[in-house]
Each structure stands twice: as C-alpha cells, then as structure tokens.
Amino acid sequence: RTKRGRSQSPPDYRADLGTLYAKQGKFEEARSELELAVLLDSRHKEARKQLALLAEHQGNSDLAYAMMRETTFLFPEDGDLLFQLGRMEYNRGNVKGSIELFERALRSSELNSNARYALAIALEKEGKHEEALYHFEKVLLLNPDNNEVRKKIETLRN
C-alpha cells in the first residue's frame, strides 16, 4: 500500500522494485522488473528513465541515449528527463544541445540545482564565462556549503 492507503499499480510496483534492485547492484533483476513495468504500461515514465540509466551504467551509451530521447519526447516538460538527456548530450560532445536541454529543464523547475550546475559547466566550456558565473552563483544560493562551486566562481572571477 502507498502512504495514502491505496495499493500501488502493478507497473509502479515493478518500477519501484527495479529501481531498488539497481541500487543494490542487481542489474539483471532490475532490468527484468523495469521491462515488465514498461510492458504493463508503455508510457511508464520512471521505468523508462531507469531503464535508460541502467543501460548507461552498463556501458551501452547509445541505447541509453536512444531510450532517454524517446522518453523525453513522450514527456517533453519533465525537468529531470531533460536534465538526464542534456547530460547524455554533453557526454556525447554536443555541448550546444546540452545547453538547450539544461535551459529547458530550468524552465520546468528553476530550483533544479543539478540542471543549473550542468548548464554552468556547459556554458563555461563554450567560453560563455559571464553566463556560467551567473548560474554557478545561483547554484551556490541553493547549495551554500558546496566548495566545488565556490572554487568555480573564484576561478571565473579571476
């Protein structure tokens, strides 16, 4: 039962179980449960996202990228999916594409410090230091104890 006293739907249960297996390092069990969740509900966002992340973790970046693109196409306003796809674009060397996705993720939620930090990194790589500094400073407001961000700000100011 969920916190509200209702039973979880079978795809939700399978997705949660798959995510738990993945966290425990039981990747085959995780994949089986997540695939079952998607079979039960082809638009199950969390199961689709976790399958893509699992593929990435197992070294299949092309499959992970394709799965994340497809899931983001189904849920184009989901900030976490946009962030994950942006991260994958960045890792594939598409910095400009990643910037666009991180910006879209921030339109979904301005408090998404992961997307904001990743955006700042991508902007810095593109040589847009003033914009990067702006976003690093916003990240620091959200995470005041982050010394890595402090160092980035200090480097960009000098």
Protein backbone atom coordinates (compact mmCIF):
# COMPACT_ATOMS: atom_id res chain seq x y z
CA ARG A 1 0.00 0.00 0.00
CA THR A 2 1.10 3.56 -0.63
CA LYS A 3 1.23 6.26 2.03
CA ARG A 4 -2.30 7.32 1.10
CA GLY A 5 -3.66 3.85 1.75
CA ARG A 6 -4.08 2.86 -1.90
CA SER A 7 -2.38 -0.12 -3.46
CA GLN A 8 0.33 0.61 -5.97
CA SER A 9 -0.46 -0.25 -9.56
CA PRO A 10 1.44 -3.26 -10.88
CA PRO A 11 3.68 -1.12 -13.16
CA ASP A 12 4.52 1.23 -10.27
CA TYR A 13 5.37 -1.71 -8.06
CA ARG A 14 7.58 -3.24 -10.75
CA ALA A 15 9.31 0.10 -11.43
CA ASP A 16 9.98 0.64 -7.72
CA LEU A 17 11.28 -2.90 -7.35
CA GLY A 18 13.51 -2.49 -10.42
CA THR A 19 14.91 0.77 -9.07
CA LEU A 20 15.61 -0.90 -5.73
CA TYR A 21 17.37 -3.81 -7.44
CA ALA A 22 19.50 -1.36 -9.44
CA LYS A 23 20.54 0.46 -6.25
CA GLN A 24 21.57 -2.91 -4.80
CA GLY A 25 23.67 -3.72 -7.87
CA LYS A 26 21.30 -6.48 -9.00
CA PHE A 27 21.22 -5.23 -12.58
CA GLU A 28 19.64 -8.22 -14.33
CA GLU A 29 16.79 -8.31 -11.81
CA ALA A 30 16.43 -4.55 -12.16
CA ARG A 31 16.23 -4.74 -15.94
CA SER A 32 13.63 -7.54 -15.78
CA GLU A 33 11.38 -5.65 -13.37
CA LEU A 34 11.71 -2.36 -15.27
CA GLU A 35 10.98 -4.03 -18.60
CA LEU A 36 7.92 -5.66 -17.06
CA ALA A 37 6.72 -2.26 -15.82
CA VAL A 38 7.05 -0.89 -19.37
CA LEU A 39 5.21 -3.92 -20.78
CA LEU A 40 2.38 -3.26 -18.34
CA ASP A 41 2.37 0.48 -19.14
CA SER A 42 4.32 1.55 -22.23
CA ARG A 43 4.31 5.17 -21.04
CA HIS A 44 5.61 4.49 -17.54
CA LYS A 45 7.99 7.41 -17.21
CA GLU A 46 10.03 6.27 -14.24
CA ALA A 47 10.55 2.74 -15.54
CA ARG A 48 11.62 4.08 -18.95
CA LYS A 49 14.02 6.54 -17.34
CA GLN A 50 15.52 3.90 -15.06
CA LEU A 51 15.99 1.50 -17.99
CA ALA A 52 17.91 4.20 -19.86
CA LEU A 53 20.06 4.95 -16.83
CA LEU A 54 20.67 1.23 -16.33
CA ALA A 55 21.78 0.86 -19.95
CA GLU A 56 24.12 3.81 -19.48
CA HIS A 57 25.51 2.33 -16.26
CA GLN A 58 26.18 -0.94 -18.07
CA GLY A 59 28.17 0.88 -20.75
CA ASN A 60 25.59 0.94 -23.52
CA SER A 61 25.52 4.70 -24.02
CA ASP A 62 23.95 4.55 -27.48
CA LEU A 63 20.98 2.52 -26.23
CA ALA A 64 20.69 4.71 -23.13
CA TYR A 65 20.69 7.85 -25.27
CA ALA A 66 18.04 6.47 -27.63
CA MET A 67 15.83 5.40 -24.73
CA MET A 68 16.19 8.74 -22.95
CA ARG A 69 15.42 10.67 -26.15
CA GLU A 70 12.28 8.62 -26.70
CA THR A 71 11.13 9.05 -23.10
CA THR A 72 11.82 12.80 -23.20
CA PHE A 73 9.81 13.00 -26.42
CA LEU A 74 6.86 11.42 -24.57
CA PHE A 75 7.29 13.78 -21.57
CA PRO A 76 8.80 16.97 -23.04
CA GLU A 77 8.24 19.13 -19.96
CA ASP A 78 9.77 16.79 -17.38
CA GLY A 79 12.75 18.61 -15.88
CA ASP A 80 14.57 15.51 -14.69
CA LEU A 81 14.30 13.82 -18.09
CA LEU A 82 15.50 17.00 -19.80
CA PHE A 83 18.45 17.14 -17.38
CA GLN A 84 19.34 13.48 -17.97
CA LEU A 85 19.14 13.86 -21.74
CA GLY A 86 21.18 17.06 -21.53
CA ARG A 87 23.82 15.23 -19.52
CA MET A 88 23.94 12.50 -22.15
CA GLU A 89 24.21 15.08 -24.94
CA TYR A 90 27.10 16.73 -23.11
CA ASN A 91 28.85 13.38 -22.69
CA ARG A 92 28.42 12.76 -26.43
CA GLY A 93 30.17 16.06 -27.16
CA ASN A 94 27.06 18.02 -28.10
CA VAL A 95 27.62 20.93 -25.72
CA LYS A 96 25.24 23.29 -27.53
CA GLY A 97 22.47 20.69 -27.47
CA SER A 98 23.07 20.06 -23.79
CA ILE A 99 22.79 23.79 -23.05
CA GLU A 100 19.38 23.91 -24.72
CA LEU A 101 18.18 20.91 -22.72
CA PHE A 102 19.50 22.23 -19.40
CA GLU A 103 17.75 25.55 -20.08
CA ARG A 104 14.50 23.70 -20.80
CA ALA A 105 14.94 21.73 -17.55
CA LEU A 106 15.30 25.02 -15.67
CA ARG A 107 12.13 26.38 -17.26
CA SER A 108 10.42 23.34 -15.75
CA SER A 109 11.99 24.00 -12.34
CA GLU A 110 14.28 26.92 -11.57
CA LEU A 111 15.37 25.17 -8.36
CA ASN A 112 16.88 22.21 -10.21
CA SER A 113 20.44 22.71 -9.00
CA ASN A 114 21.75 19.73 -10.98
CA ALA A 115 20.49 21.22 -14.24
CA ARG A 116 21.76 24.67 -13.28
CA TYR A 117 25.20 23.33 -12.36
CA ALA A 118 25.41 21.30 -15.58
CA LEU A 119 24.32 24.37 -17.56
CA ALA A 120 27.08 26.42 -15.93
CA ILE A 121 29.67 23.76 -16.78
CA ALA A 122 28.49 23.62 -20.41
CA LEU A 123 28.46 27.42 -20.71
CA GLU A 124 31.97 27.57 -19.27
CA LYS A 125 33.11 25.00 -21.84
CA GLU A 126 31.60 27.17 -24.59
CA GLY A 127 33.58 30.16 -23.31
CA LYS A 128 30.49 31.96 -22.01
CA HIS A 129 32.09 32.78 -18.68
CA GLU A 130 29.73 35.56 -17.55
CA GLU A 131 26.68 33.35 -18.10
CA ALA A 132 28.42 30.43 -16.41
CA LEU A 133 29.30 32.62 -13.42
CA TYR A 134 25.67 33.73 -13.11
CA HIS A 135 24.48 30.11 -12.95
CA PHE A 136 27.25 28.98 -10.58
CA GLU A 137 26.23 31.81 -8.23
CA LYS A 138 22.60 30.62 -8.35
CA VAL A 139 23.76 27.07 -7.60
CA LEU A 140 25.67 28.39 -4.60
CA LEU A 141 22.49 30.07 -3.31
CA LEU A 142 20.76 26.67 -3.47
CA ASN A 143 23.77 24.80 -2.04
CA PRO A 144 25.72 27.24 0.16
CA ASP A 145 28.11 24.59 1.50
CA ASN A 146 29.30 23.45 -1.93
CA ASN A 147 33.04 24.19 -2.01
CA GLU A 148 33.41 22.94 -5.58
CA VAL A 149 31.00 25.62 -6.76
CA ARG A 150 32.84 28.23 -4.69
CA LYS A 151 36.08 27.29 -6.44
CA LYS A 152 34.41 27.54 -9.86
CA ILE A 153 33.11 31.01 -9.02
CA GLU A 154 36.52 32.11 -7.77
CA THR A 155 38.20 30.80 -10.94
CA LEU A 156 35.72 32.57 -13.21
CA ARG A 157 36.02 35.86 -11.33
CA ASN A 158 39.82 35.88 -11.74
